[in-house]
């Protein structure tokens, strides 16, 4: 079965940086739009950023200029570089794979915790 495994989360001070990775297995990576979502306690899950198979990107307004999403199709991996982190960025970050071809499923990773605190 398809697996998406996130890594790179942790505790960081305000203003710091983290790089999240999501490695996919048993998935034809280059026909999926890959995304990062996050969910803070008591809040709904929200889109952080997404990148299509062709490399087009989309960011939530509050992340523009601070976060960068990228992908390496040869490694079946998507990345999220997060800079200038703020306490309000604290959340569980989830990797998402959404098929670009009709009939494909959407997959989610198990999530990785990011905590921004001094």
N, C-alpha and C. Protein backbone atom coordinates (compact mmCIF):
# COMPACT_ATOMS: atom_id res chain seq x y z
N UNK A 1 0.84 -1.19 0.00
CA UNK A 1 0.00 0.00 0.00
C UNK A 1 0.87 1.24 0.00
N UNK A 2 0.26 2.36 -0.44
CA UNK A 2 0.98 3.62 -0.51
C UNK A 2 1.31 4.11 0.90
N UNK A 3 2.53 4.60 1.04
CA UNK A 3 2.94 5.20 2.31
C UNK A 3 3.58 6.54 2.07
N UNK A 4 3.23 7.50 2.90
CA UNK A 4 3.88 8.80 2.94
C UNK A 4 4.44 8.97 4.34
N UNK A 5 5.74 9.17 4.44
CA UNK A 5 6.38 9.25 5.75
C UNK A 5 7.06 10.60 5.89
N UNK A 6 6.58 11.38 6.84
CA UNK A 6 7.15 12.71 7.10
C UNK A 6 8.29 12.61 8.10
N UNK A 7 9.21 13.53 7.99
CA UNK A 7 10.29 13.65 8.95
C UNK A 7 10.76 15.09 8.99
N UNK A 8 11.54 15.42 10.02
CA UNK A 8 12.13 16.74 10.10
C UNK A 8 11.47 17.68 11.08
N UNK A 9 10.39 17.25 11.69
CA UNK A 9 9.75 18.11 12.68
C UNK A 9 10.57 18.19 13.96
N UNK A 10 10.13 19.08 14.86
CA UNK A 10 10.83 19.21 16.12
C UNK A 10 10.53 20.54 16.77
N UNK A 11 11.36 20.86 17.75
CA UNK A 11 11.24 22.10 18.50
C UNK A 11 12.24 23.12 17.97
N UNK A 12 11.77 24.31 17.70
CA UNK A 12 12.64 25.36 17.19
C UNK A 12 12.24 26.68 17.82
N UNK A 13 13.20 27.56 17.99
CA UNK A 13 12.92 28.87 18.56
C UNK A 13 12.29 29.79 17.52
N UNK A 14 11.53 30.77 17.95
CA UNK A 14 10.98 31.75 17.00
C UNK A 14 12.09 32.37 16.17
N UNK A 15 11.81 32.51 14.88
CA UNK A 15 12.81 33.02 13.95
C UNK A 15 13.68 31.94 13.34
N UNK A 16 13.58 30.73 13.85
CA UNK A 16 14.39 29.63 13.35
C UNK A 16 13.83 28.99 12.10
N UNK A 17 14.51 27.93 11.67
CA UNK A 17 14.14 27.24 10.44
C UNK A 17 14.06 25.74 10.67
N UNK A 18 13.24 25.11 9.87
CA UNK A 18 13.16 23.65 9.83
C UNK A 18 12.90 23.23 8.39
N UNK A 19 13.34 22.04 8.05
CA UNK A 19 13.05 21.48 6.74
C UNK A 19 12.34 20.15 6.93
N UNK A 20 11.13 20.08 6.47
CA UNK A 20 10.36 18.84 6.52
C UNK A 20 10.55 18.06 5.23
N UNK A 21 10.54 16.75 5.36
CA UNK A 21 10.61 15.86 4.20
C UNK A 21 9.45 14.89 4.25
N UNK A 22 9.01 14.49 3.09
CA UNK A 22 7.97 13.47 3.00
C UNK A 22 8.37 12.51 1.89
N UNK A 23 8.63 11.28 2.26
CA UNK A 23 9.04 10.27 1.30
C UNK A 23 7.86 9.35 1.00
N UNK A 24 7.61 9.17 -0.28
CA UNK A 24 6.52 8.31 -0.70
C UNK A 24 7.03 6.96 -1.17
N UNK A 25 6.27 5.93 -0.87
CA UNK A 25 6.61 4.59 -1.35
C UNK A 25 5.36 3.95 -1.95
N UNK A 26 5.60 3.07 -2.92
CA UNK A 26 4.52 2.38 -3.63
C UNK A 26 3.56 3.38 -4.26
N UNK A 27 4.10 4.44 -4.81
CA UNK A 27 3.29 5.49 -5.43
C UNK A 27 4.03 5.99 -6.66
N UNK A 28 3.26 6.22 -7.75
CA UNK A 28 3.86 6.81 -8.94
C UNK A 28 3.88 8.31 -8.70
N UNK A 29 4.96 8.74 -8.11
CA UNK A 29 5.05 10.07 -7.51
C UNK A 29 4.74 11.18 -8.50
N UNK A 30 5.19 10.99 -9.75
CA UNK A 30 5.12 12.12 -10.69
C UNK A 30 3.77 12.29 -11.36
N UNK A 31 2.71 11.64 -10.85
CA UNK A 31 1.36 11.94 -11.31
C UNK A 31 0.50 12.43 -10.16
N UNK A 32 1.17 12.87 -9.09
CA UNK A 32 0.47 13.40 -7.93
C UNK A 32 0.91 14.83 -7.64
N UNK A 33 -0.06 15.66 -7.30
CA UNK A 33 0.24 16.94 -6.67
C UNK A 33 0.52 16.65 -5.20
N UNK A 34 1.64 17.15 -4.74
CA UNK A 34 2.05 16.93 -3.36
C UNK A 34 1.80 18.20 -2.55
N UNK A 35 1.32 18.00 -1.35
CA UNK A 35 1.02 19.16 -0.52
C UNK A 35 1.41 18.95 0.92
N UNK A 36 1.52 20.07 1.59
CA UNK A 36 1.71 20.07 3.04
C UNK A 36 0.51 20.79 3.66
N UNK A 37 -0.05 20.17 4.67
CA UNK A 37 -1.14 20.74 5.44
C UNK A 37 -0.68 20.78 6.90
N UNK A 38 -1.39 21.57 7.68
CA UNK A 38 -1.08 21.58 9.11
C UNK A 38 -2.37 21.69 9.91
N UNK A 39 -2.28 21.21 11.14
CA UNK A 39 -3.42 21.30 12.04
C UNK A 39 -2.93 21.62 13.44
N UNK A 40 -3.35 22.78 13.92
CA UNK A 40 -3.03 23.19 15.28
C UNK A 40 -4.14 22.72 16.22
N UNK A 41 -3.84 22.60 17.50
CA UNK A 41 -4.85 22.15 18.46
C UNK A 41 -6.11 23.02 18.41
N UNK A 42 -7.25 22.38 18.29
CA UNK A 42 -8.50 23.10 18.28
C UNK A 42 -8.83 23.79 16.97
N UNK A 43 -8.01 23.58 15.96
CA UNK A 43 -8.25 24.24 14.67
C UNK A 43 -8.41 23.22 13.56
N UNK A 44 -8.97 23.67 12.45
CA UNK A 44 -9.12 22.80 11.30
C UNK A 44 -7.80 22.63 10.57
N UNK A 45 -7.70 21.54 9.87
CA UNK A 45 -6.52 21.33 9.04
C UNK A 45 -6.55 22.34 7.90
N UNK A 46 -5.39 22.91 7.60
CA UNK A 46 -5.32 23.93 6.56
C UNK A 46 -4.16 23.66 5.62
N UNK A 47 -4.32 24.11 4.39
CA UNK A 47 -3.27 23.98 3.39
C UNK A 47 -2.12 24.92 3.73
N UNK A 48 -0.92 24.39 3.67
CA UNK A 48 0.29 25.20 3.81
C UNK A 48 0.83 25.54 2.43
N UNK A 49 1.08 24.52 1.64
CA UNK A 49 1.63 24.70 0.30
C UNK A 49 1.41 23.43 -0.51
N UNK A 50 1.40 23.58 -1.82
CA UNK A 50 1.26 22.44 -2.71
C UNK A 50 2.12 22.65 -3.94
N UNK A 51 2.51 21.53 -4.55
CA UNK A 51 3.33 21.60 -5.77
C UNK A 51 2.85 20.51 -6.71
N UNK A 52 2.59 20.90 -7.96
CA UNK A 52 2.12 19.94 -8.95
C UNK A 52 3.28 19.11 -9.48
N UNK A 53 2.93 18.10 -10.25
CA UNK A 53 3.98 17.28 -10.84
C UNK A 53 4.88 18.09 -11.75
N UNK A 54 4.34 19.15 -12.31
CA UNK A 54 5.13 19.99 -13.20
C UNK A 54 5.89 21.09 -12.49
N UNK A 55 5.71 21.19 -11.18
CA UNK A 55 6.47 22.16 -10.40
C UNK A 55 5.76 23.46 -10.08
N UNK A 56 4.50 23.59 -10.47
CA UNK A 56 3.75 24.79 -10.10
C UNK A 56 3.41 24.74 -8.62
N UNK A 57 3.56 25.89 -7.96
CA UNK A 57 3.38 25.92 -6.51
C UNK A 57 2.24 26.83 -6.09
N UNK A 58 1.72 26.56 -4.93
CA UNK A 58 0.64 27.35 -4.34
C UNK A 58 0.89 27.41 -2.85
N UNK A 59 0.76 28.60 -2.28
CA UNK A 59 1.01 28.79 -0.85
C UNK A 59 -0.18 29.48 -0.19
N UNK A 60 -0.40 29.13 1.06
CA UNK A 60 -1.32 29.91 1.86
C UNK A 60 -0.70 31.29 2.09
N UNK A 61 -1.53 32.30 2.16
CA UNK A 61 -1.02 33.67 2.23
C UNK A 61 -0.06 33.88 3.39
N UNK A 62 -0.35 33.30 4.53
CA UNK A 62 0.48 33.54 5.72
C UNK A 62 1.85 32.87 5.62
N UNK A 63 2.04 31.98 4.64
CA UNK A 63 3.31 31.28 4.49
C UNK A 63 4.16 31.85 3.35
N UNK A 64 3.55 32.67 2.51
CA UNK A 64 4.29 33.20 1.37
C UNK A 64 5.50 33.99 1.84
N UNK A 65 6.62 33.72 1.21
CA UNK A 65 7.85 34.42 1.56
C UNK A 65 8.63 33.79 2.70
N UNK A 66 7.99 32.90 3.45
CA UNK A 66 8.68 32.24 4.56
C UNK A 66 8.89 30.75 4.30
N UNK A 67 7.95 30.13 3.62
CA UNK A 67 8.02 28.69 3.36
C UNK A 67 8.26 28.44 1.87
N UNK A 68 8.98 27.37 1.59
CA UNK A 68 9.22 26.97 0.20
C UNK A 68 8.99 25.48 0.06
N UNK A 69 8.13 25.12 -0.87
CA UNK A 69 7.89 23.71 -1.15
C UNK A 69 8.66 23.31 -2.39
N UNK A 70 9.20 22.11 -2.38
CA UNK A 70 9.92 21.60 -3.54
C UNK A 70 9.75 20.08 -3.58
N UNK A 71 10.11 19.51 -4.71
CA UNK A 71 9.98 18.06 -4.83
C UNK A 71 11.11 17.51 -5.65
N UNK A 72 11.44 16.25 -5.39
CA UNK A 72 12.43 15.52 -6.16
C UNK A 72 11.74 14.23 -6.59
N UNK A 73 11.25 14.21 -7.82
CA UNK A 73 10.51 13.05 -8.29
C UNK A 73 11.37 11.79 -8.35
N UNK A 74 12.65 11.95 -8.59
CA UNK A 74 13.55 10.79 -8.65
C UNK A 74 13.67 10.12 -7.28
N UNK A 75 13.48 10.91 -6.23
CA UNK A 75 13.58 10.37 -4.86
C UNK A 75 12.21 10.17 -4.23
N UNK A 76 11.14 10.44 -4.99
CA UNK A 76 9.79 10.32 -4.44
C UNK A 76 9.64 11.11 -3.14
N UNK A 77 10.19 12.31 -3.13
CA UNK A 77 10.22 13.09 -1.90
C UNK A 77 9.77 14.52 -2.17
N UNK A 78 9.01 15.05 -1.23
CA UNK A 78 8.63 16.45 -1.25
C UNK A 78 9.16 17.10 0.02
N UNK A 79 9.56 18.35 -0.09
CA UNK A 79 10.18 19.06 1.01
C UNK A 79 9.39 20.32 1.34
N UNK A 80 9.53 20.76 2.57
CA UNK A 80 8.99 22.05 2.97
C UNK A 80 10.05 22.75 3.80
N UNK A 81 10.65 23.77 3.22
CA UNK A 81 11.62 24.59 3.94
C UNK A 81 10.86 25.70 4.64
N UNK A 82 10.99 25.76 5.94
CA UNK A 82 10.26 26.75 6.73
C UNK A 82 11.27 27.67 7.42
N UNK A 83 11.19 28.95 7.10
CA UNK A 83 12.07 29.96 7.68
C UNK A 83 11.26 30.97 8.47
N UNK A 84 11.93 31.73 9.29
CA UNK A 84 11.28 32.77 10.10
C UNK A 84 10.06 32.22 10.82
N UNK A 85 10.24 31.12 11.47
CA UNK A 85 9.12 30.46 12.12
C UNK A 85 8.58 31.27 13.28
N UNK A 86 7.27 31.19 13.45
CA UNK A 86 6.57 31.92 14.50
C UNK A 86 5.85 30.93 15.41
N UNK A 87 5.56 31.34 16.63
CA UNK A 87 4.82 30.43 17.52
C UNK A 87 3.51 29.94 16.92
N UNK A 88 2.88 30.76 16.11
CA UNK A 88 1.61 30.36 15.50
C UNK A 88 1.78 29.33 14.39
N UNK A 89 3.01 29.02 14.04
CA UNK A 89 3.27 27.94 13.09
C UNK A 89 3.26 26.57 13.78
N UNK A 90 3.16 26.58 15.09
CA UNK A 90 3.12 25.32 15.83
C UNK A 90 1.90 24.51 15.43
N UNK A 91 2.15 23.27 15.01
CA UNK A 91 1.07 22.41 14.52
C UNK A 91 1.65 21.05 14.17
N UNK A 92 0.76 20.12 13.89
CA UNK A 92 1.18 18.88 13.25
C UNK A 92 1.11 19.11 11.74
N UNK A 93 2.19 18.79 11.06
CA UNK A 93 2.27 19.00 9.62
C UNK A 93 2.11 17.66 8.91
N UNK A 94 1.20 17.66 7.94
CA UNK A 94 0.87 16.43 7.22
C UNK A 94 1.23 16.54 5.75
N UNK A 95 1.75 15.49 5.23
CA UNK A 95 2.02 15.37 3.80
C UNK A 95 0.79 14.80 3.10
N UNK A 96 0.53 15.28 1.91
CA UNK A 96 -0.66 14.88 1.16
C UNK A 96 -0.28 14.62 -0.29
N UNK A 97 -0.85 13.57 -0.85
CA UNK A 97 -0.66 13.26 -2.27
C UNK A 97 -2.03 13.19 -2.93
N UNK A 98 -2.25 14.06 -3.90
CA UNK A 98 -3.54 14.10 -4.60
C UNK A 98 -3.32 13.80 -6.07
N UNK A 99 -3.98 12.77 -6.56
CA UNK A 99 -3.76 12.34 -7.92
C UNK A 99 -4.17 13.37 -8.95
N UNK A 100 -3.42 13.50 -10.00
CA UNK A 100 -3.72 14.43 -11.08
C UNK A 100 -4.45 13.75 -12.23
N UNK A 101 -4.70 12.48 -12.06
CA UNK A 101 -5.44 11.71 -13.05
C UNK A 101 -6.72 11.22 -12.40
N UNK A 102 -7.80 11.26 -13.16
CA UNK A 102 -9.10 10.86 -12.62
C UNK A 102 -9.03 9.43 -12.09
N UNK A 103 -9.64 9.23 -10.93
CA UNK A 103 -9.72 7.90 -10.37
C UNK A 103 -8.65 7.57 -9.35
N UNK A 104 -7.68 8.44 -9.20
CA UNK A 104 -6.63 8.18 -8.22
C UNK A 104 -7.08 8.62 -6.83
N UNK A 105 -6.58 7.94 -5.83
CA UNK A 105 -6.91 8.26 -4.45
C UNK A 105 -6.07 9.45 -3.96
N UNK A 106 -6.50 9.97 -2.83
CA UNK A 106 -5.72 10.95 -2.09
C UNK A 106 -5.15 10.26 -0.86
N UNK A 107 -3.87 10.51 -0.61
CA UNK A 107 -3.19 9.85 0.50
C UNK A 107 -2.65 10.89 1.48
N UNK A 108 -2.55 10.46 2.73
CA UNK A 108 -2.03 11.31 3.80
C UNK A 108 -0.92 10.59 4.56
N UNK A 109 0.04 11.36 5.01
CA UNK A 109 1.04 10.84 5.93
C UNK A 109 0.52 10.88 7.35
N UNK A 110 1.35 10.42 8.28
CA UNK A 110 0.92 10.32 9.67
C UNK A 110 1.12 11.63 10.43
N UNK A 111 1.87 12.54 9.86
CA UNK A 111 2.09 13.84 10.48
C UNK A 111 3.39 13.91 11.27
N UNK A 112 3.91 15.12 11.34
CA UNK A 112 5.10 15.38 12.14
C UNK A 112 4.88 16.68 12.92
N UNK A 113 5.24 16.66 14.18
CA UNK A 113 4.99 17.81 15.06
C UNK A 113 6.06 18.87 14.86
N UNK A 114 5.60 20.10 14.71
CA UNK A 114 6.49 21.26 14.68
C UNK A 114 6.05 22.18 15.83
N UNK A 115 7.00 22.47 16.70
CA UNK A 115 6.72 23.35 17.84
C UNK A 115 7.69 24.52 17.79
N UNK A 116 7.13 25.72 17.77
CA UNK A 116 7.94 26.93 17.74
C UNK A 116 7.76 27.63 19.08
N UNK A 117 8.82 27.61 19.85
CA UNK A 117 8.73 28.15 21.21
C UNK A 117 10.11 28.51 21.72
N UNK A 118 10.15 29.54 22.56
CA UNK A 118 11.42 29.90 23.19
C UNK A 118 11.55 29.23 24.55
